[in-house]
């Protein structure tokens, strides 16, 4: 399993407000609310961090892509595919 830079391994109790129908359906289906909530929050946090990183580094990414467009990949001659 890959290292998860977001996870701390510790747990903290929090209060969430969730629609009662959703909670009832999840419990009836045997879904662990904590696990599903944590997984969804992990995905949302990673996505938000990636978007922020891309925006903070947008100028560098554009400059790098422009350089590659102009000069090609530096090690292109060694590619086997």
PDB file of N, CA and C in Angstrom:
ATOM      1  N   UNK A   1       0.843  -1.183   0.000  1.00  0.00           N
ATOM      2  CA  UNK A   1       0.000   0.000   0.000  1.00  0.00           C
ATOM      3  C   UNK A   1       0.887   1.245   0.000  1.00  0.00           C
ATOM      4  N   UNK A   2       0.548   2.211  -0.814  1.00  0.00           N
ATOM      5  CA  UNK A   2       1.327   3.435  -0.910  1.00  0.00           C
ATOM      6  C   UNK A   2       1.115   4.294   0.333  1.00  0.00           C
ATOM      7  N   UNK A   3       2.142   5.086   0.624  1.00  0.00           N
ATOM      8  CA  UNK A   3       2.047   6.018   1.743  1.00  0.00           C
ATOM      9  C   UNK A   3       1.004   7.087   1.431  1.00  0.00           C
ATOM     10  N   UNK A   4       0.155   7.360   2.383  1.00  0.00           N
ATOM     11  CA  UNK A   4      -0.873   8.395   2.226  1.00  0.00           C
ATOM     12  C   UNK A   4      -0.419   9.627   2.992  1.00  0.00           C
ATOM     13  N   UNK A   5       0.006  10.703   2.278  1.00  0.00           N
ATOM     14  CA  UNK A   5       0.515  11.889   2.968  1.00  0.00           C
ATOM     15  C   UNK A   5      -0.542  12.641   3.773  1.00  0.00           C
ATOM     16  N   UNK A   6      -1.799  12.358   3.543  1.00  0.00           N
ATOM     17  CA  UNK A   6      -2.865  13.032   4.271  1.00  0.00           C
ATOM     18  C   UNK A   6      -3.150  12.336   5.603  1.00  0.00           C
ATOM     19  N   UNK A   7      -3.084  11.018   5.623  1.00  0.00           N
ATOM     20  CA  UNK A   7      -3.442  10.255   6.817  1.00  0.00           C
ATOM     21  C   UNK A   7      -2.407  10.425   7.925  1.00  0.00           C
ATOM     22  N   UNK A   8      -2.882  10.542   9.151  1.00  0.00           N
ATOM     23  CA  UNK A   8      -1.993  10.646  10.305  1.00  0.00           C
ATOM     24  C   UNK A   8      -1.966   9.347  11.103  1.00  0.00           C
ATOM     25  N   UNK A   9      -2.959   8.500  10.903  1.00  0.00           N
ATOM     26  CA  UNK A   9      -3.070   7.271  11.675  1.00  0.00           C
ATOM     27  C   UNK A   9      -3.825   7.462  12.973  1.00  0.00           C
ATOM     28  N   UNK A  10      -4.104   8.702  13.323  1.00  0.00           N
ATOM     29  CA  UNK A  10      -4.848   9.004  14.540  1.00  0.00           C
ATOM     30  C   UNK A  10      -6.307   9.251  14.191  1.00  0.00           C
ATOM     31  N   UNK A  11      -7.164   9.141  15.170  1.00  0.00           N
ATOM     32  CA  UNK A  11      -8.593   9.371  14.969  1.00  0.00           C
ATOM     33  C   UNK A  11      -9.056  10.530  15.826  1.00  0.00           C
ATOM     34  N   UNK A  12     -10.045  11.280  15.323  1.00  0.00           N
ATOM     35  CA  UNK A  12     -10.643  12.380  16.060  1.00  0.00           C
ATOM     36  C   UNK A  12     -12.152  12.297  15.866  1.00  0.00           C
ATOM     37  N   UNK A  13     -12.877  12.366  16.942  1.00  0.00           N
ATOM     38  CA  UNK A  13     -14.338  12.381  16.860  1.00  0.00           C
ATOM     39  C   UNK A  13     -14.794  13.746  16.375  1.00  0.00           C
ATOM     40  N   UNK A  14     -15.731  13.739  15.445  1.00  0.00           N
ATOM     41  CA  UNK A  14     -16.301  14.982  14.926  1.00  0.00           C
ATOM     42  C   UNK A  14     -17.807  14.820  14.826  1.00  0.00           C
ATOM     43  N   UNK A  15     -18.497  15.934  14.763  1.00  0.00           N
ATOM     44  CA  UNK A  15     -19.942  15.913  14.576  1.00  0.00           C
ATOM     45  C   UNK A  15     -20.250  16.292  13.137  1.00  0.00           C
ATOM     46  N   UNK A  16     -21.089  15.502  12.485  1.00  0.00           N
ATOM     47  CA  UNK A  16     -21.518  15.776  11.119  1.00  0.00           C
ATOM     48  C   UNK A  16     -23.037  15.820  11.081  1.00  0.00           C
ATOM     49  N   UNK A  17     -23.551  16.668  10.247  1.00  0.00           N
ATOM     50  CA  UNK A  17     -24.997  16.689  10.016  1.00  0.00           C
ATOM     51  C   UNK A  17     -25.250  16.037   8.673  1.00  0.00           C
ATOM     52  N   UNK A  18     -25.933  14.898   8.712  1.00  0.00           N
ATOM     53  CA  UNK A  18     -26.222  14.134   7.501  1.00  0.00           C
ATOM     54  C   UNK A  18     -27.712  13.853   7.465  1.00  0.00           C
ATOM     55  N   UNK A  19     -28.286  13.954   6.304  1.00  0.00           N
ATOM     56  CA  UNK A  19     -29.710  13.695   6.108  1.00  0.00           C
ATOM     57  C   UNK A  19     -30.087  12.363   6.756  1.00  0.00           C
ATOM     58  N   UNK A  20     -31.161  12.367   7.519  1.00  0.00           N
ATOM     59  CA  UNK A  20     -31.565  11.162   8.259  1.00  0.00           C
ATOM     60  C   UNK A  20     -31.905   9.997   7.328  1.00  0.00           C
ATOM     61  N   UNK A  21     -32.451  10.296   6.163  1.00  0.00           N
ATOM     62  CA  UNK A  21     -32.757   9.224   5.215  1.00  0.00           C
ATOM     63  C   UNK A  21     -31.489   8.556   4.705  1.00  0.00           C
ATOM     64  N   UNK A  22     -30.471   9.349   4.481  1.00  0.00           N
ATOM     65  CA  UNK A  22     -29.188   8.803   4.026  1.00  0.00           C
ATOM     66  C   UNK A  22     -28.580   7.927   5.117  1.00  0.00           C
ATOM     67  N   UNK A  23     -28.628   8.404   6.345  1.00  0.00           N
ATOM     68  CA  UNK A  23     -28.078   7.633   7.466  1.00  0.00           C
ATOM     69  C   UNK A  23     -28.836   6.319   7.622  1.00  0.00           C
ATOM     70  N   UNK A  24     -30.164   6.364   7.567  1.00  0.00           N
ATOM     71  CA  UNK A  24     -30.965   5.142   7.710  1.00  0.00           C
ATOM     72  C   UNK A  24     -30.657   4.145   6.606  1.00  0.00           C
ATOM     73  N   UNK A  25     -30.583   4.619   5.372  1.00  0.00           N
ATOM     74  CA  UNK A  25     -30.297   3.731   4.246  1.00  0.00           C
ATOM     75  C   UNK A  25     -28.904   3.126   4.369  1.00  0.00           C
ATOM     76  N   UNK A  26     -27.932   3.929   4.788  1.00  0.00           N
ATOM     77  CA  UNK A  26     -26.566   3.432   4.945  1.00  0.00           C
ATOM     78  C   UNK A  26     -26.495   2.374   6.044  1.00  0.00           C
ATOM     79  N   UNK A  27     -27.147   2.632   7.156  1.00  0.00           N
ATOM     80  CA  UNK A  27     -27.140   1.657   8.256  1.00  0.00           C
ATOM     81  C   UNK A  27     -27.850   0.376   7.843  1.00  0.00           C
ATOM     82  N   UNK A  28     -28.956   0.524   7.139  1.00  0.00           N
ATOM     83  CA  UNK A  28     -29.698  -0.659   6.679  1.00  0.00           C
ATOM     84  C   UNK A  28     -28.837  -1.492   5.728  1.00  0.00           C
ATOM     85  N   UNK A  29     -28.002  -0.824   4.945  1.00  0.00           N
ATOM     86  CA  UNK A  29     -27.133  -1.523   4.005  1.00  0.00           C
ATOM     87  C   UNK A  29     -25.857  -2.034   4.665  1.00  0.00           C
ATOM     88  N   UNK A  30     -25.679  -1.723   5.946  1.00  0.00           N
ATOM     89  CA  UNK A  30     -24.497  -2.191   6.669  1.00  0.00           C
ATOM     90  C   UNK A  30     -23.241  -1.395   6.351  1.00  0.00           C
ATOM     91  N   UNK A  31     -23.416  -0.153   5.932  1.00  0.00           N
ATOM     92  CA  UNK A  31     -22.283   0.695   5.568  1.00  0.00           C
ATOM     93  C   UNK A  31     -21.727   1.364   6.822  1.00  0.00           C
ATOM     94  N   UNK A  32     -20.412   1.344   6.946  1.00  0.00           N
ATOM     95  CA  UNK A  32     -19.731   2.002   8.058  1.00  0.00           C
ATOM     96  C   UNK A  32     -19.615   3.484   7.708  1.00  0.00           C
ATOM     97  N   UNK A  33     -20.382   4.315   8.401  1.00  0.00           N
ATOM     98  CA  UNK A  33     -20.426   5.748   8.090  1.00  0.00           C
ATOM     99  C   UNK A  33     -19.063   6.410   8.252  1.00  0.00           C
ATOM    100  N   UNK A  34     -18.323   6.046   9.266  1.00  0.00           N
ATOM    101  CA  UNK A  34     -17.011   6.652   9.504  1.00  0.00           C
ATOM    102  C   UNK A  34     -16.043   6.333   8.372  1.00  0.00           C
ATOM    103  N   UNK A  35     -15.999   5.062   7.962  1.00  0.00           N
ATOM    104  CA  UNK A  35     -15.075   4.674   6.899  1.00  0.00           C
ATOM    105  C   UNK A  35     -15.419   5.344   5.571  1.00  0.00           C
ATOM    106  N   UNK A  36     -16.694   5.367   5.233  1.00  0.00           N
ATOM    107  CA  UNK A  36     -17.111   5.970   3.972  1.00  0.00           C
ATOM    108  C   UNK A  36     -16.887   7.478   3.996  1.00  0.00           C
ATOM    109  N   UNK A  37     -17.206   8.116   5.118  1.00  0.00           N
ATOM    110  CA  UNK A  37     -16.988   9.559   5.240  1.00  0.00           C
ATOM    111  C   UNK A  37     -15.507   9.886   5.124  1.00  0.00           C
ATOM    112  N   UNK A  38     -14.670   9.125   5.813  1.00  0.00           N
ATOM    113  CA  UNK A  38     -13.227   9.366   5.760  1.00  0.00           C
ATOM    114  C   UNK A  38     -12.689   9.179   4.346  1.00  0.00           C
ATOM    115  N   UNK A  39     -13.135   8.141   3.672  1.00  0.00           N
ATOM    116  CA  UNK A  39     -12.666   7.899   2.301  1.00  0.00           C
ATOM    117  C   UNK A  39     -13.091   9.031   1.369  1.00  0.00           C
ATOM    118  N   UNK A  40     -14.331   9.484   1.500  1.00  0.00           N
ATOM    119  CA  UNK A  40     -14.816  10.578   0.647  1.00  0.00           C
ATOM    120  C   UNK A  40     -14.078  11.874   0.943  1.00  0.00           C
ATOM    121  N   UNK A  41     -13.820  12.149   2.215  1.00  0.00           N
ATOM    122  CA  UNK A  41     -13.072  13.354   2.588  1.00  0.00           C
ATOM    123  C   UNK A  41     -11.626  13.281   2.097  1.00  0.00           C
ATOM    124  N   UNK A  42     -11.034  12.093   2.140  1.00  0.00           N
ATOM    125  CA  UNK A  42      -9.671  11.918   1.641  1.00  0.00           C
ATOM    126  C   UNK A  42      -9.610  12.242   0.146  1.00  0.00           C
ATOM    127  N   UNK A  43     -10.554  11.715  -0.614  1.00  0.00           N
ATOM    128  CA  UNK A  43     -10.595  11.978  -2.057  1.00  0.00           C
ATOM    129  C   UNK A  43     -10.794  13.475  -2.325  1.00  0.00           C
ATOM    130  N   UNK A  44     -11.722  14.089  -1.616  1.00  0.00           N
ATOM    131  CA  UNK A  44     -11.998  15.516  -1.819  1.00  0.00           C
ATOM    132  C   UNK A  44     -10.791  16.377  -1.438  1.00  0.00           C
ATOM    133  N   UNK A  45     -10.118  16.027  -0.344  1.00  0.00           N
ATOM    134  CA  UNK A  45      -8.945  16.798   0.092  1.00  0.00           C
ATOM    135  C   UNK A  45      -7.806  16.660  -0.906  1.00  0.00           C
ATOM    136  N   UNK A  46      -7.546  15.445  -1.375  1.00  0.00           N
ATOM    137  CA  UNK A  46      -6.478  15.239  -2.364  1.00  0.00           C
ATOM    138  C   UNK A  46      -6.777  16.017  -3.641  1.00  0.00           C
ATOM    139  N   UNK A  47      -8.015  15.958  -4.090  1.00  0.00           N
ATOM    140  CA  UNK A  47      -8.395  16.681  -5.302  1.00  0.00           C
ATOM    141  C   UNK A  47      -8.191  18.190  -5.126  1.00  0.00           C
ATOM    142  N   UNK A  48      -8.603  18.723  -3.990  1.00  0.00           N
ATOM    143  CA  UNK A  48      -8.447  20.156  -3.727  1.00  0.00           C
ATOM    144  C   UNK A  48      -6.971  20.544  -3.649  1.00  0.00           C
ATOM    145  N   UNK A  49      -6.151  19.700  -3.010  1.00  0.00           N
ATOM    146  CA  UNK A  49      -4.721  19.982  -2.928  1.00  0.00           C
ATOM    147  C   UNK A  49      -4.059  19.928  -4.295  1.00  0.00           C
ATOM    148  N   UNK A  50      -4.477  18.979  -5.142  1.00  0.00           N
ATOM    149  CA  UNK A  50      -3.923  18.890  -6.499  1.00  0.00           C
ATOM    150  C   UNK A  50      -4.293  20.114  -7.325  1.00  0.00           C
ATOM    151  N   UNK A  51      -5.536  20.560  -7.219  1.00  0.00           N
ATOM    152  CA  UNK A  51      -5.973  21.751  -7.944  1.00  0.00           C
ATOM    153  C   UNK A  51      -5.172  22.962  -7.484  1.00  0.00           C
ATOM    154  N   UNK A  52      -4.991  23.101  -6.184  1.00  0.00           N
ATOM    155  CA  UNK A  52      -4.217  24.225  -5.648  1.00  0.00           C
ATOM    156  C   UNK A  52      -2.772  24.172  -6.134  1.00  0.00           C
ATOM    157  N   UNK A  53      -2.166  22.960  -6.112  1.00  0.00           N
ATOM    158  CA  UNK A  53      -0.781  22.816  -6.552  1.00  0.00           C
ATOM    159  C   UNK A  53      -0.641  23.209  -8.024  1.00  0.00           C
ATOM    160  N   UNK A  54      -1.567  22.716  -8.865  1.00  0.00           N
ATOM    161  CA  UNK A  54      -1.503  23.049 -10.293  1.00  0.00           C
ATOM    162  C   UNK A  54      -1.637  24.544 -10.520  1.00  0.00           C
ATOM    163  N   UNK A  55      -2.497  25.203  -9.755  1.00  0.00           N
ATOM    164  CA  UNK A  55      -2.665  26.649  -9.906  1.00  0.00           C
ATOM    165  C   UNK A  55      -1.418  27.391  -9.432  1.00  0.00           C
ATOM    166  N   UNK A  56      -0.845  26.970  -8.310  1.00  0.00           N
ATOM    167  CA  UNK A  56       0.359  27.625  -7.786  1.00  0.00           C
ATOM    168  C   UNK A  56       1.560  27.439  -8.716  1.00  0.00           C
ATOM    169  N   UNK A  57       1.582  26.348  -9.468  1.00  0.00           N
ATOM    170  CA  UNK A  57       2.715  26.040 -10.342  1.00  0.00           C
ATOM    171  C   UNK A  57       2.377  26.184 -11.829  1.00  0.00           C
ATOM    172  N   UNK A  58       1.266  26.839 -12.114  1.00  0.00           N
ATOM    173  CA  UNK A  58       0.788  26.974 -13.494  1.00  0.00           C
ATOM    174  C   UNK A  58       1.844  27.595 -14.408  1.00  0.00           C
ATOM    175  N   UNK A  59       2.481  28.668 -13.957  1.00  0.00           N
ATOM    176  CA  UNK A  59       3.469  29.341 -14.808  1.00  0.00           C
ATOM    177  C   UNK A  59       4.638  28.420 -15.134  1.00  0.00           C
ATOM    178  N   UNK A  60       5.127  27.682 -14.154  1.00  0.00           N
ATOM    179  CA  UNK A  60       6.229  26.760 -14.406  1.00  0.00           C
ATOM    180  C   UNK A  60       5.808  25.660 -15.368  1.00  0.00           C
ATOM    181  N   UNK A  61       4.618  25.112 -15.176  1.00  0.00           N
ATOM    182  CA  UNK A  61       4.121  24.048 -16.053  1.00  0.00           C
ATOM    183  C   UNK A  61       4.020  24.547 -17.490  1.00  0.00           C
ATOM    184  N   UNK A  62       3.467  25.747 -17.672  1.00  0.00           N
ATOM    185  CA  UNK A  62       3.339  26.304 -19.014  1.00  0.00           C
ATOM    186  C   UNK A  62       4.710  26.555 -19.639  1.00  0.00           C
ATOM    187  N   UNK A  63       5.660  27.079 -18.865  1.00  0.00           N
ATOM    188  CA  UNK A  63       7.008  27.326 -19.376  1.00  0.00           C
ATOM    189  C   UNK A  63       7.692  26.014 -19.749  1.00  0.00           C
ATOM    190  N   UNK A  64       7.542  25.003 -18.928  1.00  0.00           N
ATOM    191  CA  UNK A  64       8.138  23.702 -19.212  1.00  0.00           C
ATOM    192  C   UNK A  64       7.537  23.095 -20.475  1.00  0.00           C
ATOM    193  N   UNK A  65       6.222  23.155 -20.599  1.00  0.00           N
ATOM    194  CA  UNK A  65       5.562  22.616 -21.787  1.00  0.00           C
ATOM    195  C   UNK A  65       5.993  23.375 -23.038  1.00  0.00           C
ATOM    196  N   UNK A  66       6.149  24.686 -22.948  1.00  0.00           N
ATOM    197  CA  UNK A  66       6.596  25.480 -24.098  1.00  0.00           C
ATOM    198  C   UNK A  66       8.015  25.083 -24.488  1.00  0.00           C
ATOM    199  N   UNK A  67       8.889  24.855 -23.505  1.00  0.00           N
ATOM    200  CA  UNK A  67      10.262  24.443 -23.801  1.00  0.00           C
ATOM    201  C   UNK A  67      10.278  23.104 -24.519  1.00  0.00           C
ATOM    202  N   UNK A  68       9.477  22.145 -24.034  1.00  0.00           N
ATOM    203  CA  UNK A  68       9.416  20.823 -24.659  1.00  0.00           C
ATOM    204  C   UNK A  68       8.841  20.945 -26.068  1.00  0.00           C
ATOM    205  N   UNK A  69       7.832  21.790 -26.264  1.00  0.00           N
ATOM    206  CA  UNK A  69       7.278  21.993 -27.601  1.00  0.00           C
ATOM    207  C   UNK A  69       8.334  22.523 -28.561  1.00  0.00           C
ATOM    208  N   UNK A  70       9.183  23.419 -28.058  1.00  0.00           N
ATOM    209  CA  UNK A  70      10.213  24.035 -28.907  1.00  0.00           C
ATOM    210  C   UNK A  70      11.412  23.119 -29.130  1.00  0.00           C
ATOM    211  N   UNK A  71      11.860  22.417 -28.089  1.00  0.00           N
ATOM    212  CA  UNK A  71      13.103  21.647 -28.155  1.00  0.00           C
ATOM    213  C   UNK A  71      12.893  20.135 -28.181  1.00  0.00           C
ATOM    214  N   UNK A  72      11.726  19.654 -27.879  1.00  0.00           N
ATOM    215  CA  UNK A  72      11.483  18.220 -27.780  1.00  0.00           C
ATOM    216  C   UNK A  72      11.913  17.691 -26.425  1.00  0.00           C
ATOM    217  N   UNK A  73      11.679  16.417 -26.204  1.00  0.00           N
ATOM    218  CA  UNK A  73      12.071  15.801 -24.937  1.00  0.00           C
ATOM    219  C   UNK A  73      13.584  15.628 -24.897  1.00  0.00           C
ATOM    220  N   UNK A  74      14.217  15.942 -23.776  1.00  0.00           N
ATOM    221  CA  UNK A  74      15.679  15.894 -23.696  1.00  0.00           C
ATOM    222  C   UNK A  74      16.290  14.518 -24.007  1.00  0.00           C
ATOM    223  N   UNK A  75      15.644  13.462 -23.626  1.00  0.00           N
ATOM    224  CA  UNK A  75      16.188  12.099 -23.828  1.00  0.00           C
ATOM    225  C   UNK A  75      15.418  11.333 -24.892  1.00  0.00           C
ATOM    226  N   UNK A  76      14.804  12.024 -25.813  1.00  0.00           N
ATOM    227  CA  UNK A  76      13.967  11.413 -26.847  1.00  0.00           C
ATOM    228  C   UNK A  76      14.716  10.323 -27.618  1.00  0.00           C
ATOM    229  N   UNK A  77      15.993  10.548 -27.898  1.00  0.00           N
ATOM    230  CA  UNK A  77      16.742   9.594 -28.723  1.00  0.00           C
ATOM    231  C   UNK A  77      16.933   8.246 -28.039  1.00  0.00           C
ATOM    232  N   UNK A  78      16.712   8.174 -26.734  1.00  0.00           N
ATOM    233  CA  UNK A  78      16.887   6.917 -26.001  1.00  0.00           C
ATOM    234  C   UNK A  78      15.585   6.145 -25.812  1.00  0.00           C
ATOM    235  N   UNK A  79      14.476   6.707 -26.277  1.00  0.00           N
ATOM    236  CA  UNK A  79      13.182   6.034 -26.116  1.00  0.00           C
ATOM    237  C   UNK A  79      13.131   4.775 -26.950  1.00  0.00           C
ATOM    238  N   UNK A  80      12.561   3.733 -26.412  1.00  0.00           N
ATOM    239  CA  UNK A  80      12.434   2.452 -27.127  1.00  0.00           C
ATOM    240  C   UNK A  80      11.016   2.219 -27.639  1.00  0.00           C
ATOM    241  N   UNK A  81      10.135   3.189 -27.475  1.00  0.00           N
ATOM    242  CA  UNK A  81       8.758   3.028 -27.930  1.00  0.00           C
ATOM    243  C   UNK A  81       8.351   4.197 -28.771  1.00  0.00           C
TER     244      UNK A  81
END
